[in-house]
Amino acid sequence: NDAKFLIHLGDIQDGRSESCPKTLYQNIATIFEHHSPLPTLFVIGDNEWLDCENGNAANESFAYWEEYLLPFHERQRLIVTAAGNVTTAATTTTTTVVVPPLDANVTRHPDHPEIYSFAIDGVLFLGQGLPWPHPENTPNDDEWRKYLMVNANWTRERLIEYINDNNNNDDDDDDDEHDNN
């Protein structure tokens, strides 16, 4: 009852499957829509991205992840039938359940939206795209190193920003105490 949000840590399917059809992402979104009345964020896993079949499948599966799971935490209301099922159409026998807002600004990397951060109750949360790629879908070494550096730099920048913001807030509190004396 005290949960404010949910984060799924990736790998929405078994690692032995190399098929990543659009329905996989639609079904996962439906499951969470039916069973999680909380803002929900997803970390992308290798099983639903880089382990997908050779060729353009990794790009296609990433596009499905972006479409169905990336914006999931932004949903605002669920329409629930008397039987407890979620539906897309409101009727006289349905109830609208308001999904509480995340109460945080989610910041995403401008070139890699799978990398994100937000802070709640004094805790910084970092979602990173660090899946282990299937050998056939591994970007060349330079591309992979660059991607890993983007992750590392993003983490460093968010940590510094968070620490600076909290230090500034602490300084503001100290100023308030001095003003009251």
N, C-alpha and C. Protein backbone atom coordinates (compact mmCIF):
# COMPACT_ATOMS: atom_id res chain seq x y z
N ASN A 1 0.80 -1.21 0.00
CA ASN A 1 0.00 0.00 0.00
C ASN A 1 0.84 1.26 0.00
N ASP A 2 2.09 1.16 0.44
CA ASP A 2 2.95 2.34 0.50
C ASP A 2 3.74 2.57 -0.78
N ALA A 3 3.67 1.67 -1.72
CA ALA A 3 4.46 1.80 -2.95
C ALA A 3 4.02 3.03 -3.72
N LYS A 4 5.01 3.75 -4.25
CA LYS A 4 4.73 4.94 -5.03
C LYS A 4 4.91 4.70 -6.53
N PHE A 5 5.67 3.68 -6.87
CA PHE A 5 5.92 3.36 -8.27
C PHE A 5 6.48 1.94 -8.35
N LEU A 6 6.61 1.47 -9.58
CA LEU A 6 7.14 0.14 -9.84
C LEU A 6 8.16 0.26 -10.97
N ILE A 7 9.27 -0.44 -10.86
CA ILE A 7 10.25 -0.50 -11.95
C ILE A 7 10.44 -1.96 -12.32
N HIS A 8 10.22 -2.27 -13.60
CA HIS A 8 10.51 -3.61 -14.11
C HIS A 8 11.94 -3.56 -14.64
N LEU A 9 12.77 -4.50 -14.22
CA LEU A 9 14.20 -4.44 -14.49
C LEU A 9 14.64 -5.11 -15.79
N GLY A 10 13.73 -5.29 -16.71
CA GLY A 10 14.11 -5.80 -18.02
C GLY A 10 13.94 -7.30 -18.15
N ASP A 11 14.20 -7.78 -19.37
CA ASP A 11 14.02 -9.19 -19.72
C ASP A 11 12.57 -9.61 -19.54
N ILE A 12 11.73 -9.07 -20.40
CA ILE A 12 10.30 -9.37 -20.35
C ILE A 12 9.96 -10.73 -20.97
N GLN A 13 10.97 -11.41 -21.47
CA GLN A 13 10.75 -12.76 -21.99
C GLN A 13 11.99 -13.60 -21.73
N ASP A 14 11.82 -14.90 -21.88
CA ASP A 14 12.90 -15.86 -21.67
C ASP A 14 14.04 -15.59 -22.65
N GLY A 15 15.25 -15.71 -22.17
CA GLY A 15 16.42 -15.46 -22.99
C GLY A 15 16.63 -16.44 -24.13
N ARG A 16 15.93 -17.56 -24.12
CA ARG A 16 16.08 -18.54 -25.20
C ARG A 16 15.25 -18.18 -26.42
N SER A 17 14.34 -17.23 -26.27
CA SER A 17 13.50 -16.82 -27.40
C SER A 17 14.18 -15.71 -28.17
N GLU A 18 14.24 -15.85 -29.48
CA GLU A 18 14.83 -14.80 -30.30
C GLU A 18 13.76 -14.04 -31.06
N SER A 19 12.52 -14.40 -30.85
CA SER A 19 11.43 -13.73 -31.53
C SER A 19 10.91 -12.60 -30.64
N CYS A 20 10.79 -11.42 -31.20
CA CYS A 20 10.35 -10.25 -30.43
C CYS A 20 9.23 -9.53 -31.19
N PRO A 21 8.09 -10.20 -31.35
CA PRO A 21 7.01 -9.58 -32.13
C PRO A 21 6.35 -8.43 -31.38
N LYS A 22 5.66 -7.62 -32.10
CA LYS A 22 4.94 -6.47 -31.53
C LYS A 22 3.99 -6.93 -30.42
N THR A 23 3.38 -8.09 -30.61
CA THR A 23 2.42 -8.59 -29.61
C THR A 23 3.07 -8.82 -28.25
N LEU A 24 4.37 -9.14 -28.21
CA LEU A 24 5.07 -9.32 -26.94
C LEU A 24 4.95 -8.04 -26.11
N TYR A 25 5.24 -6.92 -26.71
CA TYR A 25 5.21 -5.63 -26.01
C TYR A 25 3.78 -5.21 -25.67
N GLN A 26 2.87 -5.47 -26.59
CA GLN A 26 1.45 -5.19 -26.33
C GLN A 26 0.95 -6.01 -25.14
N ASN A 27 1.31 -7.29 -25.10
CA ASN A 27 0.87 -8.17 -24.01
C ASN A 27 1.45 -7.76 -22.67
N ILE A 28 2.72 -7.38 -22.64
CA ILE A 28 3.35 -6.94 -21.38
C ILE A 28 2.67 -5.67 -20.90
N ALA A 29 2.41 -4.73 -21.81
CA ALA A 29 1.71 -3.50 -21.43
C ALA A 29 0.33 -3.83 -20.87
N THR A 30 -0.36 -4.77 -21.48
CA THR A 30 -1.69 -5.16 -21.01
C THR A 30 -1.62 -5.79 -19.62
N ILE A 31 -0.65 -6.65 -19.39
CA ILE A 31 -0.50 -7.28 -18.07
C ILE A 31 -0.30 -6.21 -17.00
N PHE A 32 0.60 -5.28 -17.24
CA PHE A 32 0.84 -4.24 -16.25
C PHE A 32 -0.34 -3.28 -16.14
N GLU A 33 -1.03 -3.06 -17.23
CA GLU A 33 -2.22 -2.20 -17.21
C GLU A 33 -3.29 -2.84 -16.31
N HIS A 34 -3.42 -4.15 -16.38
CA HIS A 34 -4.44 -4.86 -15.61
C HIS A 34 -4.06 -5.03 -14.14
N HIS A 35 -2.77 -5.09 -13.84
CA HIS A 35 -2.37 -5.50 -12.49
C HIS A 35 -1.53 -4.49 -11.72
N SER A 36 -1.21 -3.34 -12.31
CA SER A 36 -0.39 -2.37 -11.58
C SER A 36 -1.00 -0.98 -11.65
N PRO A 37 -1.73 -0.60 -10.61
CA PRO A 37 -2.29 0.75 -10.59
C PRO A 37 -1.28 1.78 -10.10
N LEU A 38 -0.01 1.55 -10.40
CA LEU A 38 1.07 2.45 -10.00
C LEU A 38 1.79 2.96 -11.25
N PRO A 39 2.40 4.13 -11.15
CA PRO A 39 3.29 4.53 -12.25
C PRO A 39 4.37 3.46 -12.39
N THR A 40 4.58 3.00 -13.61
CA THR A 40 5.51 1.90 -13.85
C THR A 40 6.53 2.30 -14.90
N LEU A 41 7.79 2.07 -14.59
CA LEU A 41 8.87 2.33 -15.53
C LEU A 41 9.52 1.01 -15.88
N PHE A 42 10.07 0.95 -17.08
CA PHE A 42 10.71 -0.27 -17.56
C PHE A 42 12.16 0.01 -17.91
N VAL A 43 13.05 -0.86 -17.49
CA VAL A 43 14.43 -0.88 -17.96
C VAL A 43 14.45 -1.88 -19.10
N ILE A 44 15.06 -1.53 -20.20
CA ILE A 44 15.09 -2.45 -21.33
C ILE A 44 16.13 -3.55 -21.07
N GLY A 45 15.75 -4.78 -21.39
CA GLY A 45 16.65 -5.91 -21.22
C GLY A 45 17.15 -6.43 -22.56
N ASP A 46 18.19 -7.22 -22.52
CA ASP A 46 18.73 -7.77 -23.76
C ASP A 46 17.77 -8.75 -24.42
N ASN A 47 16.96 -9.46 -23.62
CA ASN A 47 16.07 -10.46 -24.19
C ASN A 47 15.00 -9.85 -25.10
N GLU A 48 14.63 -8.61 -24.86
CA GLU A 48 13.62 -7.97 -25.70
C GLU A 48 14.21 -6.91 -26.61
N TRP A 49 15.52 -6.89 -26.71
CA TRP A 49 16.15 -5.90 -27.58
C TRP A 49 17.24 -6.54 -28.43
N LEU A 50 18.42 -6.70 -27.88
CA LEU A 50 19.56 -7.12 -28.68
C LEU A 50 19.61 -8.62 -28.93
N ASP A 51 18.82 -9.41 -28.21
CA ASP A 51 18.78 -10.86 -28.45
C ASP A 51 17.76 -11.24 -29.51
N CYS A 52 17.06 -10.25 -30.04
CA CYS A 52 16.07 -10.55 -31.08
C CYS A 52 16.78 -10.99 -32.35
N GLU A 53 16.02 -11.61 -33.22
CA GLU A 53 16.57 -12.22 -34.43
C GLU A 53 17.52 -11.26 -35.16
N ASN A 54 18.39 -11.85 -35.95
CA ASN A 54 19.38 -11.07 -36.70
C ASN A 54 18.72 -10.05 -37.62
N GLY A 55 19.54 -9.18 -38.14
CA GLY A 55 19.05 -8.20 -39.09
C GLY A 55 18.51 -6.97 -38.37
N ASN A 56 17.38 -6.49 -38.83
CA ASN A 56 16.80 -5.26 -38.31
C ASN A 56 15.91 -5.50 -37.10
N ALA A 57 15.83 -6.74 -36.63
CA ALA A 57 14.91 -7.07 -35.54
C ALA A 57 15.23 -6.31 -34.26
N ALA A 58 16.49 -6.07 -33.96
CA ALA A 58 16.84 -5.34 -32.74
C ALA A 58 16.30 -3.92 -32.81
N ASN A 59 16.42 -3.27 -33.96
CA ASN A 59 15.87 -1.92 -34.11
C ASN A 59 14.35 -1.93 -34.02
N GLU A 60 13.74 -2.93 -34.64
CA GLU A 60 12.28 -3.04 -34.63
C GLU A 60 11.77 -3.30 -33.20
N SER A 61 12.43 -4.20 -32.49
CA SER A 61 11.99 -4.51 -31.13
C SER A 61 12.17 -3.30 -30.21
N PHE A 62 13.25 -2.54 -30.41
CA PHE A 62 13.45 -1.33 -29.62
C PHE A 62 12.32 -0.34 -29.88
N ALA A 63 11.90 -0.21 -31.13
CA ALA A 63 10.79 0.68 -31.47
C ALA A 63 9.50 0.24 -30.77
N TYR A 64 9.25 -1.07 -30.68
CA TYR A 64 8.07 -1.56 -29.96
C TYR A 64 8.18 -1.24 -28.46
N TRP A 65 9.38 -1.42 -27.90
CA TRP A 65 9.60 -1.09 -26.49
C TRP A 65 9.30 0.39 -26.25
N GLU A 66 9.80 1.25 -27.15
CA GLU A 66 9.54 2.69 -27.01
C GLU A 66 8.04 3.00 -27.09
N GLU A 67 7.36 2.35 -28.00
CA GLU A 67 5.94 2.63 -28.21
C GLU A 67 5.07 2.16 -27.03
N TYR A 68 5.32 0.97 -26.53
CA TYR A 68 4.42 0.38 -25.54
C TYR A 68 4.88 0.50 -24.09
N LEU A 69 6.18 0.52 -23.84
CA LEU A 69 6.65 0.47 -22.46
C LEU A 69 7.35 1.75 -21.99
N LEU A 70 7.99 2.47 -22.87
CA LEU A 70 8.68 3.69 -22.48
C LEU A 70 7.75 4.71 -21.82
N PRO A 71 6.59 5.02 -22.39
CA PRO A 71 5.74 6.05 -21.79
C PRO A 71 4.77 5.52 -20.72
N PHE A 72 4.92 4.28 -20.32
CA PHE A 72 3.93 3.64 -19.48
C PHE A 72 3.68 4.37 -18.17
N HIS A 73 4.69 4.96 -17.58
CA HIS A 73 4.52 5.66 -16.30
C HIS A 73 3.67 6.92 -16.42
N GLU A 74 3.41 7.37 -17.64
CA GLU A 74 2.64 8.60 -17.83
C GLU A 74 1.12 8.37 -17.86
N ARG A 75 0.70 7.12 -17.86
CA ARG A 75 -0.75 6.87 -17.91
C ARG A 75 -1.41 7.48 -16.67
N GLN A 76 -2.64 7.93 -16.82
CA GLN A 76 -3.28 8.67 -15.73
C GLN A 76 -4.52 8.00 -15.16
N ARG A 77 -5.14 7.17 -15.93
CA ARG A 77 -6.35 6.53 -15.40
C ARG A 77 -6.58 5.17 -16.05
N LEU A 78 -7.17 4.30 -15.29
CA LEU A 78 -7.56 2.99 -15.78
C LEU A 78 -9.08 2.92 -15.75
N ILE A 79 -9.65 2.28 -16.74
CA ILE A 79 -11.10 2.07 -16.76
C ILE A 79 -11.32 0.60 -16.44
N VAL A 80 -11.99 0.33 -15.31
CA VAL A 80 -12.11 -1.02 -14.79
C VAL A 80 -13.57 -1.47 -14.82
N THR A 81 -13.80 -2.71 -15.30
CA THR A 81 -15.15 -3.26 -15.32
C THR A 81 -15.51 -3.78 -13.93
N ALA A 82 -16.75 -4.13 -13.75
CA ALA A 82 -17.20 -4.67 -12.47
C ALA A 82 -16.45 -5.95 -12.11
N ALA A 83 -16.02 -6.70 -13.11
CA ALA A 83 -15.27 -7.94 -12.87
C ALA A 83 -13.80 -7.68 -12.57
N GLY A 84 -13.39 -6.41 -12.62
CA GLY A 84 -12.01 -6.06 -12.30
C GLY A 84 -11.08 -6.03 -13.50
N ASN A 85 -11.64 -6.18 -14.70
CA ASN A 85 -10.82 -6.14 -15.91
C ASN A 85 -10.66 -4.71 -16.39
N VAL A 86 -9.53 -4.41 -16.99
CA VAL A 86 -9.29 -3.08 -17.54
C VAL A 86 -9.81 -3.05 -18.96
N THR A 87 -10.46 -1.97 -19.32
CA THR A 87 -11.00 -1.81 -20.65
C THR A 87 -10.61 -0.44 -21.19
N THR A 88 -10.79 -0.22 -22.47
CA THR A 88 -10.47 1.07 -23.06
C THR A 88 -11.69 1.97 -23.18
N ALA A 89 -12.88 1.42 -22.97
CA ALA A 89 -14.09 2.21 -23.15
C ALA A 89 -14.88 2.31 -21.84
N ALA A 90 -15.20 3.52 -21.47
CA ALA A 90 -16.01 3.73 -20.27
C ALA A 90 -17.48 3.47 -20.59
N THR A 91 -18.16 2.78 -19.68
CA THR A 91 -19.60 2.55 -19.80
C THR A 91 -20.22 2.82 -18.45
N THR A 92 -21.53 2.61 -18.34
CA THR A 92 -22.19 2.83 -17.05
C THR A 92 -21.81 1.78 -16.02
N THR A 93 -21.21 0.66 -16.46
CA THR A 93 -20.84 -0.38 -15.50
C THR A 93 -19.34 -0.41 -15.22
N THR A 94 -18.62 0.62 -15.65
CA THR A 94 -17.19 0.65 -15.39
C THR A 94 -16.86 1.73 -14.36
N THR A 95 -15.71 1.60 -13.79
CA THR A 95 -15.21 2.57 -12.83
C THR A 95 -13.88 3.09 -13.33
N THR A 96 -13.65 4.36 -13.19
CA THR A 96 -12.36 4.92 -13.56
C THR A 96 -11.48 4.97 -12.32
N VAL A 97 -10.31 4.38 -12.43
CA VAL A 97 -9.34 4.40 -11.34
C VAL A 97 -8.23 5.36 -11.74
N VAL A 98 -8.00 6.34 -10.92
CA VAL A 98 -6.95 7.30 -11.22
C VAL A 98 -5.61 6.72 -10.79
N VAL A 99 -4.67 6.71 -11.71
CA VAL A 99 -3.31 6.25 -11.40
C VAL A 99 -2.59 7.43 -10.77
N PRO A 100 -2.03 7.26 -9.59
CA PRO A 100 -1.37 8.40 -8.95
C PRO A 100 -0.18 8.86 -9.80
N PRO A 101 0.08 10.16 -9.82
CA PRO A 101 1.25 10.62 -10.58
C PRO A 101 2.54 10.12 -9.93
N LEU A 102 3.58 10.06 -10.71
CA LEU A 102 4.87 9.60 -10.20
C LEU A 102 5.42 10.57 -9.17
N ASP A 103 5.05 11.81 -9.22
CA ASP A 103 5.52 12.82 -8.28
C ASP A 103 7.03 13.02 -8.42
N ALA A 104 7.50 12.92 -9.65
CA ALA A 104 8.91 13.17 -9.96
C ALA A 104 9.01 13.44 -11.45
N ASN A 105 10.00 14.21 -11.82
CA ASN A 105 10.27 14.44 -13.24
C ASN A 105 11.25 13.39 -13.72
N VAL A 106 10.83 12.63 -14.71
CA VAL A 106 11.72 11.63 -15.30
C VAL A 106 12.53 12.33 -16.40
N THR A 107 13.84 12.30 -16.24
CA THR A 107 14.74 12.89 -17.23
C THR A 107 15.32 11.76 -18.05
N ARG A 108 15.22 11.87 -19.36
CA ARG A 108 15.74 10.83 -20.25
C ARG A 108 16.90 11.38 -21.06
N HIS A 109 17.84 10.51 -21.37
CA HIS A 109 18.95 10.91 -22.23
C HIS A 109 18.37 11.31 -23.58
N PRO A 110 18.83 12.42 -24.17
CA PRO A 110 18.22 12.88 -25.42
C PRO A 110 18.38 11.94 -26.60
N ASP A 111 19.45 11.16 -26.63
CA ASP A 111 19.68 10.23 -27.74
C ASP A 111 19.35 8.79 -27.41
N HIS A 112 19.19 8.49 -26.14
CA HIS A 112 18.95 7.11 -25.69
C HIS A 112 17.86 7.14 -24.61
N PRO A 113 16.59 7.14 -25.02
CA PRO A 113 15.51 7.28 -24.03
C PRO A 113 15.39 6.12 -23.05
N GLU A 114 16.08 5.01 -23.32
CA GLU A 114 16.07 3.90 -22.37
C GLU A 114 16.89 4.22 -21.13
N ILE A 115 17.67 5.29 -21.17
CA ILE A 115 18.49 5.72 -20.04
C ILE A 115 17.74 6.88 -19.37
N TYR A 116 17.41 6.73 -18.08
CA TYR A 116 16.61 7.77 -17.42
C TYR A 116 16.99 7.91 -15.96
N SER A 117 16.50 8.99 -15.36
CA SER A 117 16.71 9.20 -13.93
C SER A 117 15.55 10.00 -13.36
N PHE A 118 15.34 9.84 -12.06
CA PHE A 118 14.39 10.65 -11.31
C PHE A 118 14.70 10.49 -9.83
N ALA A 119 14.24 11.43 -9.04
CA ALA A 119 14.47 11.37 -7.59
C ALA A 119 13.14 11.46 -6.87
N ILE A 120 12.98 10.63 -5.86
CA ILE A 120 11.79 10.65 -5.00
C ILE A 120 12.25 10.45 -3.56
N ASP A 121 11.74 11.27 -2.68
CA ASP A 121 12.03 11.15 -1.25
C ASP A 121 13.52 11.06 -0.95
N GLY A 122 14.30 11.87 -1.63
CA GLY A 122 15.72 11.92 -1.35
C GLY A 122 16.54 10.77 -1.92
N VAL A 123 15.95 9.99 -2.82
CA VAL A 123 16.66 8.86 -3.43
C VAL A 123 16.69 9.06 -4.95
N LEU A 124 17.88 8.97 -5.53
CA LEU A 124 18.04 9.08 -6.97
C LEU A 124 17.92 7.69 -7.60
N PHE A 125 17.06 7.57 -8.59
CA PHE A 125 16.89 6.31 -9.32
C PHE A 125 17.44 6.49 -10.73
N LEU A 126 18.23 5.53 -11.18
CA LEU A 126 18.83 5.55 -12.50
C LEU A 126 18.41 4.31 -13.27
N GLY A 127 17.83 4.49 -14.42
CA GLY A 127 17.50 3.38 -15.31
C GLY A 127 18.47 3.41 -16.46
N GLN A 128 19.20 2.33 -16.65
CA GLN A 128 20.23 2.32 -17.68
C GLN A 128 19.98 1.23 -18.71
N GLY A 129 20.39 1.50 -19.91
CA GLY A 129 20.33 0.50 -20.97
C GLY A 129 21.67 -0.20 -21.06
N LEU A 130 21.84 -1.27 -20.31
CA LEU A 130 23.10 -2.02 -20.34
C LEU A 130 22.88 -3.50 -20.62
N PRO A 131 22.09 -3.80 -21.64
CA PRO A 131 21.89 -5.23 -21.93
C PRO A 131 23.14 -5.83 -22.55
N TRP A 132 23.27 -7.13 -22.37
CA TRP A 132 24.39 -7.85 -22.98
C TRP A 132 23.92 -8.33 -24.35
N PRO A 133 24.55 -7.83 -25.43
CA PRO A 133 24.03 -8.14 -26.77
C PRO A 133 24.34 -9.56 -27.23
N HIS A 134 23.43 -10.09 -28.00
CA HIS A 134 23.60 -11.36 -28.68
C HIS A 134 24.76 -11.19 -29.67
N PRO A 135 25.64 -12.19 -29.82
CA PRO A 135 26.81 -12.01 -30.70
C PRO A 135 26.48 -11.51 -32.10
N GLU A 136 25.39 -11.98 -32.68
CA GLU A 136 25.04 -11.57 -34.05
C GLU A 136 24.54 -10.13 -34.10
N ASN A 137 24.09 -9.58 -32.97
CA ASN A 137 23.55 -8.23 -32.95
C ASN A 137 24.44 -7.23 -32.23
N THR A 138 25.64 -7.65 -31.90
CA THR A 138 26.55 -6.76 -31.19
C THR A 138 27.00 -5.65 -32.12
N PRO A 139 26.83 -4.41 -31.69
CA PRO A 139 27.37 -3.31 -32.49
C PRO A 139 28.89 -3.46 -32.57
N ASN A 140 29.50 -2.80 -33.54
CA ASN A 140 30.96 -2.92 -33.61
C ASN A 140 31.55 -2.37 -32.31
N ASP A 141 32.80 -2.73 -32.06
CA ASP A 141 33.43 -2.38 -30.78
C ASP A 141 33.39 -0.90 -30.49
N ASP A 142 33.64 -0.06 -31.49
CA ASP A 142 33.62 1.39 -31.27
C ASP A 142 32.23 1.88 -30.87
N GLU A 143 31.20 1.37 -31.56
CA GLU A 143 29.83 1.77 -31.23
C GLU A 143 29.46 1.32 -29.81
N TRP A 144 29.85 0.11 -29.45
CA TRP A 144 29.50 -0.42 -28.13
C TRP A 144 30.22 0.34 -27.02
N ARG A 145 31.52 0.62 -27.25
CA ARG A 145 32.27 1.43 -26.26
C ARG A 145 31.65 2.80 -26.10
N LYS A 146 31.25 3.40 -27.21
CA LYS A 146 30.62 4.73 -27.16
C LYS A 146 29.32 4.65 -26.36
N TYR A 147 28.53 3.62 -26.59
CA TYR A 147 27.27 3.46 -25.86
C TYR A 147 27.52 3.27 -24.36
N LEU A 148 28.51 2.47 -24.02
CA LEU A 148 28.86 2.28 -22.61
C LEU A 148 29.34 3.58 -21.98
N MET A 149 30.08 4.38 -22.73
CA MET A 149 30.53 5.69 -22.21
C MET A 149 29.35 6.64 -22.02
N VAL A 150 28.37 6.59 -22.92
CA VAL A 150 27.18 7.41 -22.76
C VAL A 150 26.49 7.05 -21.44
N ASN A 151 26.36 5.76 -21.17
CA ASN A 151 25.77 5.31 -19.91
C ASN A 151 26.57 5.81 -18.71
N ALA A 152 27.88 5.65 -18.76
CA ALA A 152 28.73 6.05 -17.64
C ALA A 152 28.69 7.57 -17.44
N ASN A 153 28.77 8.32 -18.53
CA ASN A 153 28.71 9.78 -18.41
C ASN A 153 27.37 10.26 -17.90
N TRP A 154 26.29 9.66 -18.38
CA TRP A 154 24.94 10.01 -17.92
C TRP A 154 24.83 9.78 -16.41
N THR A 155 25.32 8.64 -15.96
CA THR A 155 25.29 8.33 -14.53
C THR A 155 26.08 9.36 -13.75
N ARG A 156 27.28 9.64 -14.19
CA ARG A 156 28.13 10.62 -13.50
C ARG A 156 27.43 11.98 -13.44
N GLU A 157 26.91 12.44 -14.57
CA GLU A 157 26.24 13.75 -14.63
C GLU A 157 25.03 13.81 -13.71
N ARG A 158 24.22 12.74 -13.70
CA ARG A 158 23.03 12.75 -12.83
C ARG A 158 23.43 12.74 -11.36
N LEU A 159 24.47 11.97 -11.01
CA LEU A 159 24.93 11.94 -9.62
C LEU A 159 25.45 13.32 -9.18
N ILE A 160 26.25 13.95 -10.02
CA ILE A 160 26.77 15.29 -9.69
C ILE A 160 25.63 16.28 -9.57
N GLU A 161 24.70 16.24 -10.52
CA GLU A 161 23.53 17.13 -10.47
C GLU A 161 22.73 16.92 -9.19
N TYR A 162 22.50 15.66 -8.85
CA TYR A 162 21.72 15.33 -7.66
C TYR A 162 22.43 15.81 -6.39
N ILE A 163 23.74 15.56 -6.31
CA ILE A 163 24.50 15.99 -5.14
C ILE A 163 24.50 17.51 -5.04
N ASN A 164 24.72 18.19 -6.16
CA ASN A 164 24.72 19.66 -6.15
C ASN A 164 23.36 20.21 -5.76
N ASP A 165 22.30 19.63 -6.30
CA ASP A 165 20.95 20.09 -5.94
C ASP A 165 20.70 19.91 -4.46
N ASN A 166 21.10 18.78 -3.91
CA ASN A 166 20.87 18.53 -2.48
C ASN A 166 21.75 19.41 -1.61
N ASN A 167 22.99 19.67 -2.04
CA ASN A 167 23.85 20.58 -1.28
C ASN A 167 23.29 22.00 -1.30
N ASN A 168 22.75 22.43 -2.44
CA ASN A 168 22.14 23.76 -2.52
C ASN A 168 20.91 23.84 -1.64
N ASN A 169 20.12 22.78 -1.59
CA ASN A 169 18.95 22.76 -0.72
C ASN A 169 19.36 22.81 0.74
N ASP A 170 20.45 22.10 1.09
CA ASP A 170 20.95 22.15 2.47
C ASP A 170 21.43 23.54 2.81
N ASP A 171 22.12 24.22 1.85
CA ASP A 171 22.59 25.58 2.08
C ASP A 171 21.42 26.52 2.27
N ASP A 172 20.34 26.33 1.49
CA ASP A 172 19.15 27.16 1.65
C ASP A 172 18.54 26.98 3.03
N ASP A 173 18.53 25.72 3.52
CA ASP A 173 17.99 25.46 4.86
C ASP A 173 18.85 26.15 5.91
N ASP A 174 20.19 26.12 5.73
CA ASP A 174 21.08 26.79 6.68
C ASP A 174 20.84 28.29 6.69
N ASP A 175 20.60 28.87 5.50
CA ASP A 175 20.33 30.30 5.41
C ASP A 175 19.05 30.64 6.16
N ASP A 176 18.03 29.78 6.04
CA ASP A 176 16.76 30.02 6.73
C ASP A 176 16.97 30.01 8.24
N GLU A 177 17.83 29.08 8.72
CA GLU A 177 18.08 29.01 10.16
C GLU A 177 18.77 30.28 10.64
N HIS A 178 19.73 30.81 9.85
CA HIS A 178 20.43 32.03 10.25
C HIS A 178 19.49 33.22 10.24
N ASP A 179 18.55 33.23 9.27
CA ASP A 179 17.61 34.35 9.20
C ASP A 179 16.68 34.38 10.40
N ASN A 180 16.41 33.20 10.98
CA ASN A 180 15.49 33.15 12.11
C ASN A 180 16.17 33.52 13.43
N ASN A 181 17.50 33.56 13.48
CA ASN A 181 18.21 33.87 14.74
C ASN A 181 18.36 35.35 14.93
